[in-house]
Amino acid sequence: MYAITFLCNPLLPKLDEALITPYIEALKGDSITWLGDGVAAEIYVKTRPRNIKKIWMELQKLKIDIVFQQNHMRKKKLLVADMDSTIINQECLDELADEAGYGEEIKKITRKAMEGDLHFEAALLERVKYLKGIPEKTIDQVLKNRIHLAAGAKTLISTMKKNESYTALVSGGFTHFTSKIAKDLGFHENVANQLEIKNCQLTGNVKLPILGKDAKVTVLKSLINRLNLSLSDTISVGDGANDIGMLRLAGLGVALHAKNIVQAEADIIINHCDLTSLLYIQGYHQDEFLH
């Protein structure tokens, strides 16, 4: 048995029975199960529909996401999440550089790196060089004034922890940011690179070892072994080229508002719903959410 989940932006609920019913016949599914009023619903089918891609493209025009998956072992025991442009709305390095007056230069490099056009480690080192001489306290200013949690982030982490899932924030960015975000949201742990700081100023260097494009895969595998889990117990979420490995490896890999190169590699693509989509596709009902 397979589940097909329909999702939309929670701020613009548009799902109703009239909209979904035609797809029950088209997909040869059964009756509608509502997970979130106007936001999330699913139907069940016995085999993979041949027209699922066509319907996905049709629904994207209506700003509706659709996810197809097997209807077993859906509630996961481990979440591994990217931070920048996923759990938060910003790219921390871009915001730090903007505060220092180098925003445009670094944003161009970040964009190319996240789209897979630049080698991740080289792009990271190149961007950090611009930060040489910036006071350490600038990081706190950025966190306070520029960084905002993505919609649904708190609900996602709180609900999964309530259901005894382990949560890890893994970033190609920096621990100064991940440690604060992880603490605010209640992640069990966070993993990221470390900025080198001397005399209360950034040196423009990154402490070794550098967590590169394969780091998230390494962390996911390590957590599976440490927690005695299997890949089918895991869900991951990210948006950039350095997330592709962990999205392909996890039991459920979710490309959330992701770059084109990521969407081309992902089985699950969310373009319109927020981070609560990760709960809905695991079969959680909105009444089970912990806000």
Protein backbone atom coordinates (compact mmCIF):
# COMPACT_ATOMS: atom_id res chain seq x y z
CA MET A 1 0.00 0.00 0.00
CA TYR A 2 1.21 3.50 -0.85
CA ALA A 3 0.29 6.91 0.54
CA ILE A 4 -0.13 10.02 -1.61
CA THR A 5 -0.07 13.21 0.47
CA PHE A 6 -1.39 16.56 -0.74
CA LEU A 7 0.10 19.68 0.90
CA CYS A 8 -0.10 23.45 0.57
CA ASN A 9 1.07 26.58 2.36
CA PRO A 10 -0.53 26.60 5.85
CA LEU A 11 -0.96 30.36 5.56
CA LEU A 12 -3.04 29.85 2.41
CA PRO A 13 -5.11 26.70 3.02
CA LYS A 14 -6.77 25.67 -0.21
CA LEU A 15 -7.27 21.92 -0.06
CA ASP A 16 -10.84 20.69 0.02
CA GLU A 17 -12.78 17.61 -1.02
CA ALA A 18 -13.83 19.12 -4.33
CA LEU A 19 -10.21 19.73 -5.30
CA ILE A 20 -8.88 16.33 -4.25
CA THR A 21 -11.74 14.04 -5.33
CA PRO A 22 -10.88 14.10 -9.06
CA TYR A 23 -7.39 12.87 -8.21
CA ILE A 24 -8.75 9.90 -6.29
CA GLU A 25 -10.11 8.54 -9.55
CA ALA A 26 -7.10 9.63 -11.61
CA LEU A 27 -4.69 7.95 -9.19
CA LYS A 28 -7.00 4.99 -8.50
CA GLY A 29 -6.99 5.72 -4.80
CA ASP A 30 -9.46 5.43 -1.96
CA SER A 31 -11.21 8.02 0.23
CA ILE A 32 -9.53 11.11 1.67
CA THR A 33 -7.83 11.12 5.08
CA TRP A 34 -7.47 14.66 6.42
CA LEU A 35 -4.27 15.41 8.34
CA GLY A 36 -4.56 19.21 8.51
CA ASP A 37 -7.62 21.31 7.77
CA GLY A 38 -7.24 22.78 4.31
CA VAL A 39 -3.49 22.08 4.40
CA ALA A 40 -2.76 18.34 4.30
CA ALA A 41 -4.66 15.27 3.16
CA GLU A 42 -3.81 11.89 1.77
CA ILE A 43 -5.20 9.00 -0.18
CA TYR A 44 -3.93 5.44 -0.49
CA VAL A 45 -3.21 3.36 -3.58
CA LYS A 46 -2.17 -0.25 -4.13
CA THR A 47 0.43 0.37 -6.83
CA ARG A 48 2.52 3.28 -8.11
CA PRO A 49 0.38 5.31 -10.52
CA ARG A 50 1.94 5.87 -13.93
CA ASN A 51 0.58 9.41 -14.03
CA ILE A 52 2.03 10.57 -10.69
CA LYS A 53 4.64 12.84 -12.29
CA LYS A 54 2.08 14.43 -14.60
CA ILE A 55 -0.25 15.12 -11.69
CA TRP A 56 2.64 16.48 -9.60
CA MET A 57 3.42 19.00 -12.34
CA GLU A 58 -0.25 19.93 -12.66
CA LEU A 59 -0.61 20.50 -8.92
CA GLN A 60 2.59 22.55 -8.75
CA LYS A 61 0.87 25.11 -10.96
CA LEU A 62 -1.82 25.32 -8.27
CA LYS A 63 0.89 25.70 -5.60
CA ILE A 64 0.11 22.29 -4.14
CA ASP A 65 2.77 19.71 -3.25
CA ILE A 66 2.22 15.99 -3.62
CA VAL A 67 4.32 13.22 -2.06
CA PHE A 68 4.22 9.54 -3.00
CA GLN A 69 5.69 6.90 -0.67
CA GLN A 70 5.16 3.46 0.81
CA ASN A 71 2.69 3.49 3.67
CA HIS A 72 4.78 1.72 6.29
CA MET A 73 7.49 2.77 8.77
CA ARG A 74 6.58 6.37 8.04
CA LYS A 75 7.25 7.86 11.47
CA LYS A 76 11.01 8.27 11.64
CA LYS A 77 13.33 7.94 14.63
CA LEU A 78 16.05 10.28 13.39
CA LEU A 79 15.89 13.71 11.73
CA VAL A 80 18.99 15.26 10.19
CA ALA A 81 18.38 18.84 9.07
CA ASP A 82 20.36 21.42 7.16
CA MET A 83 20.30 24.89 8.76
CA ASP A 84 20.77 27.73 6.26
CA SER A 85 17.68 28.38 4.12
CA THR A 86 16.07 25.32 5.68
CA ILE A 87 15.66 25.57 9.46
CA ILE A 88 16.30 29.30 9.22
CA ASN A 89 15.35 31.61 6.37
CA GLN A 90 18.81 33.08 5.85
CA GLU A 91 22.34 32.07 4.87
CA CYS A 92 24.35 32.95 8.00
CA LEU A 93 27.60 33.59 6.19
CA ASP A 94 25.85 35.95 3.78
CA GLU A 95 24.28 37.88 6.63
CA LEU A 96 27.57 38.10 8.51
CA ALA A 97 29.31 39.39 5.41
CA ASP A 98 26.54 41.88 4.74
CA GLU A 99 26.94 43.24 8.25
CA ALA A 100 30.64 43.70 7.47
CA GLY A 101 30.03 45.35 4.11
CA TYR A 102 30.86 42.40 1.82
CA GLY A 103 27.36 41.06 1.30
CA GLU A 104 27.08 41.19 -2.48
CA GLU A 105 30.47 39.58 -3.09
CA ILE A 106 29.75 36.65 -0.79
CA LYS A 107 26.13 36.13 -1.85
CA LYS A 108 27.29 35.49 -5.41
CA ILE A 109 29.70 32.80 -4.23
CA THR A 110 27.11 31.24 -1.90
CA ARG A 111 24.53 31.07 -4.69
CA LYS A 112 26.93 29.29 -7.03
CA ALA A 113 28.03 26.87 -4.29
CA MET A 114 24.46 25.95 -3.32
CA GLU A 115 23.56 25.42 -6.97
CA GLY A 116 26.52 23.08 -7.36
CA ASP A 117 28.52 25.33 -9.67
CA LEU A 118 31.47 25.68 -7.25
CA HIS A 119 33.44 23.21 -5.16
CA PHE A 120 31.90 23.51 -1.69
CA GLU A 121 35.08 23.57 0.41
CA ALA A 122 36.84 26.05 -1.89
CA ALA A 123 33.79 28.32 -1.92
CA LEU A 124 33.61 28.19 1.88
CA LEU A 125 37.23 29.20 2.33
CA GLU A 126 36.94 31.95 -0.27
CA ARG A 127 33.94 33.48 1.48
CA VAL A 128 35.44 33.31 4.96
CA LYS A 129 38.50 35.27 3.83
CA TYR A 130 36.25 38.31 3.47
CA LEU A 131 35.49 38.13 7.19
CA LYS A 132 39.04 38.79 8.36
CA GLY A 133 39.13 41.44 11.08
CA ILE A 134 35.40 41.38 11.85
CA PRO A 135 34.77 41.65 15.63
CA GLU A 136 33.48 38.43 17.18
CA LYS A 137 30.54 40.34 18.67
CA THR A 138 29.23 40.88 15.12
CA ILE A 139 28.08 37.25 15.17
CA ASP A 140 25.77 37.96 18.10
CA GLN A 141 24.43 41.03 16.33
CA VAL A 142 23.63 38.96 13.24
CA LEU A 143 21.92 36.28 15.30
CA LYS A 144 19.81 38.86 17.11
CA ASN A 145 18.86 41.11 14.21
CA ARG A 146 19.07 39.12 11.00
CA ILE A 147 18.37 35.44 11.62
CA HIS A 148 14.78 34.17 11.67
CA LEU A 149 13.46 30.64 12.10
CA ALA A 150 11.71 29.13 9.11
CA ALA A 151 7.97 28.53 9.36
CA GLY A 152 7.20 25.25 11.09
CA ALA A 153 10.71 24.74 12.49
CA LYS A 154 9.70 24.81 16.16
CA THR A 155 6.69 22.58 15.55
CA LEU A 156 8.76 20.06 13.60
CA ILE A 157 11.47 19.65 16.23
CA SER A 158 9.13 19.75 19.23
CA THR A 159 6.76 17.18 17.73
CA MET A 160 9.49 14.75 16.71
CA LYS A 161 11.15 15.01 20.12
CA LYS A 162 7.79 14.45 21.80
CA ASN A 163 7.60 11.20 19.82
CA GLU A 164 11.11 10.20 20.95
CA SER A 165 12.89 10.90 17.68
CA TYR A 166 16.49 12.09 17.73
CA THR A 167 17.19 15.40 16.02
CA ALA A 168 20.48 16.69 14.63
CA LEU A 169 21.25 20.05 13.01
CA VAL A 170 24.09 19.58 10.53
CA SER A 171 25.50 22.51 8.60
CA GLY A 172 28.34 23.43 6.29
CA GLY A 173 28.19 26.74 8.15
CA PHE A 174 29.50 27.48 11.61
CA THR A 175 29.00 26.36 15.21
CA HIS A 176 28.54 29.95 16.41
CA PHE A 177 25.21 29.83 14.59
CA THR A 178 24.21 26.17 14.82
CA SER A 179 24.72 26.02 18.58
CA LYS A 180 22.35 28.97 19.12
CA ILE A 181 19.70 27.72 16.69
CA ALA A 182 19.95 24.16 18.02
CA LYS A 183 19.52 25.38 21.60
CA ASP A 184 16.55 27.59 20.71
CA LEU A 185 14.73 24.78 18.93
CA GLY A 186 15.79 21.90 21.17
CA PHE A 187 17.88 19.84 18.72
CA HIS A 188 19.71 17.04 20.49
CA GLU A 189 22.98 17.99 18.81
CA ASN A 190 24.53 20.18 16.16
CA VAL A 191 27.51 19.72 13.87
CA ALA A 192 29.21 22.46 11.82
CA ASN A 193 32.50 24.11 10.94
CA GLN A 194 34.35 26.41 13.33
CA LEU A 195 35.47 29.95 12.59
CA GLU A 196 38.98 30.76 13.77
CA ILE A 197 38.95 33.66 16.23
CA LYS A 198 41.94 35.45 17.79
CA ASN A 199 41.90 38.55 19.97
CA CYS A 200 38.10 38.69 19.66
CA GLN A 201 38.32 39.01 15.88
CA LEU A 202 37.70 36.62 12.99
CA THR A 203 40.97 35.68 11.29
CA GLY A 204 39.43 34.85 7.91
CA ASN A 205 40.24 31.16 8.40
CA VAL A 206 38.26 28.02 9.21
CA LYS A 207 39.52 25.59 11.84
CA LEU A 208 40.47 22.15 10.58
CA PRO A 209 39.06 19.70 9.77
CA ILE A 210 36.64 21.34 7.35
CA LEU A 211 33.24 19.73 7.06
CA GLY A 212 32.80 19.56 3.30
CA LYS A 213 30.12 18.37 0.92
CA ASP A 214 30.30 14.78 2.19
CA ALA A 215 30.10 15.71 5.88
CA LYS A 216 26.33 15.38 6.16
CA VAL A 217 26.41 11.86 4.77
CA THR A 218 29.15 10.99 7.25
CA VAL A 219 27.16 12.42 10.16
CA LEU A 220 23.99 10.59 9.09
CA LYS A 221 25.83 7.26 8.89
CA SER A 222 27.49 7.89 12.26
CA LEU A 223 24.18 8.68 13.95
CA ILE A 224 22.57 5.56 12.52
CA ASN A 225 25.36 3.43 13.97
CA ARG A 226 25.41 5.22 17.31
CA LEU A 227 21.64 5.04 17.77
CA ASN A 228 21.40 1.50 16.39
CA LEU A 229 18.96 2.49 13.66
CA SER A 230 18.51 1.65 9.99
CA LEU A 231 18.33 4.02 7.02
CA SER A 232 14.58 3.44 6.84
CA ASP A 233 14.31 5.05 10.30
CA THR A 234 15.66 8.38 9.05
CA ILE A 235 14.40 11.58 7.48
CA SER A 236 16.57 14.42 6.20
CA VAL A 237 15.83 17.86 4.85
CA GLY A 238 17.87 20.43 2.96
CA ASP A 239 17.97 22.82 0.02
CA GLY A 240 21.52 23.04 -1.36
CA ALA A 241 23.90 20.99 -3.47
CA ASN A 242 25.82 19.83 -0.39
CA ASP A 243 22.59 18.27 0.93
CA ILE A 244 22.04 15.93 -2.02
CA GLY A 245 24.05 13.06 -0.52
CA MET A 246 22.11 12.90 2.73
CA LEU A 247 18.77 13.40 0.96
CA ARG A 248 19.47 10.39 -1.26
CA LEU A 249 20.75 8.29 1.64
CA ALA A 250 17.97 8.85 4.20
CA GLY A 251 14.82 6.78 4.30
CA LEU A 252 12.95 9.98 3.47
CA GLY A 253 14.95 12.80 1.90
CA VAL A 254 13.04 16.05 1.54
CA ALA A 255 14.18 18.83 -0.79
CA LEU A 256 12.54 21.85 0.83
CA HIS A 257 12.27 25.00 -1.32
CA ALA A 258 15.43 23.66 -2.88
CA LYS A 259 17.75 24.67 -5.69
CA ASN A 260 17.09 23.13 -9.13
CA ILE A 261 20.07 20.78 -8.91
CA VAL A 262 18.69 19.39 -5.65
CA GLN A 263 15.15 18.97 -6.95
CA ALA A 264 16.51 17.04 -9.93
CA GLU A 265 18.04 14.48 -7.54
CA ALA A 266 15.32 14.29 -4.88
CA ASP A 267 12.37 11.91 -4.64
CA ILE A 268 10.40 14.20 -2.32
CA ILE A 269 10.11 17.86 -3.25
CA ILE A 270 8.30 20.46 -1.16
CA ASN A 271 7.95 23.86 -2.81
CA HIS A 272 4.86 25.31 -1.16
CA CYS A 273 4.29 23.87 2.32
CA ASP A 274 6.59 24.71 5.23
CA LEU A 275 8.60 22.50 7.60
CA THR A 276 5.40 20.97 9.03
CA SER A 277 5.28 19.09 5.72
CA LEU A 278 7.87 16.73 7.21
CA LEU A 279 5.36 15.82 9.91
CA TYR A 280 2.45 15.39 7.54
CA ILE A 281 4.39 13.11 5.20
CA GLN A 282 5.26 10.96 8.21
CA GLY A 283 1.53 10.57 8.81
CA TYR A 284 1.19 12.95 11.75
CA HIS A 285 -2.18 14.67 12.20
CA GLN A 286 -2.19 18.36 13.14
CA ASP A 287 -3.73 17.41 16.50
CA GLU A 288 -0.49 15.60 17.28
CA PHE A 289 1.64 18.69 16.68
CA LEU A 290 3.45 20.24 19.61
CA HIS A 291 3.85 23.97 19.02
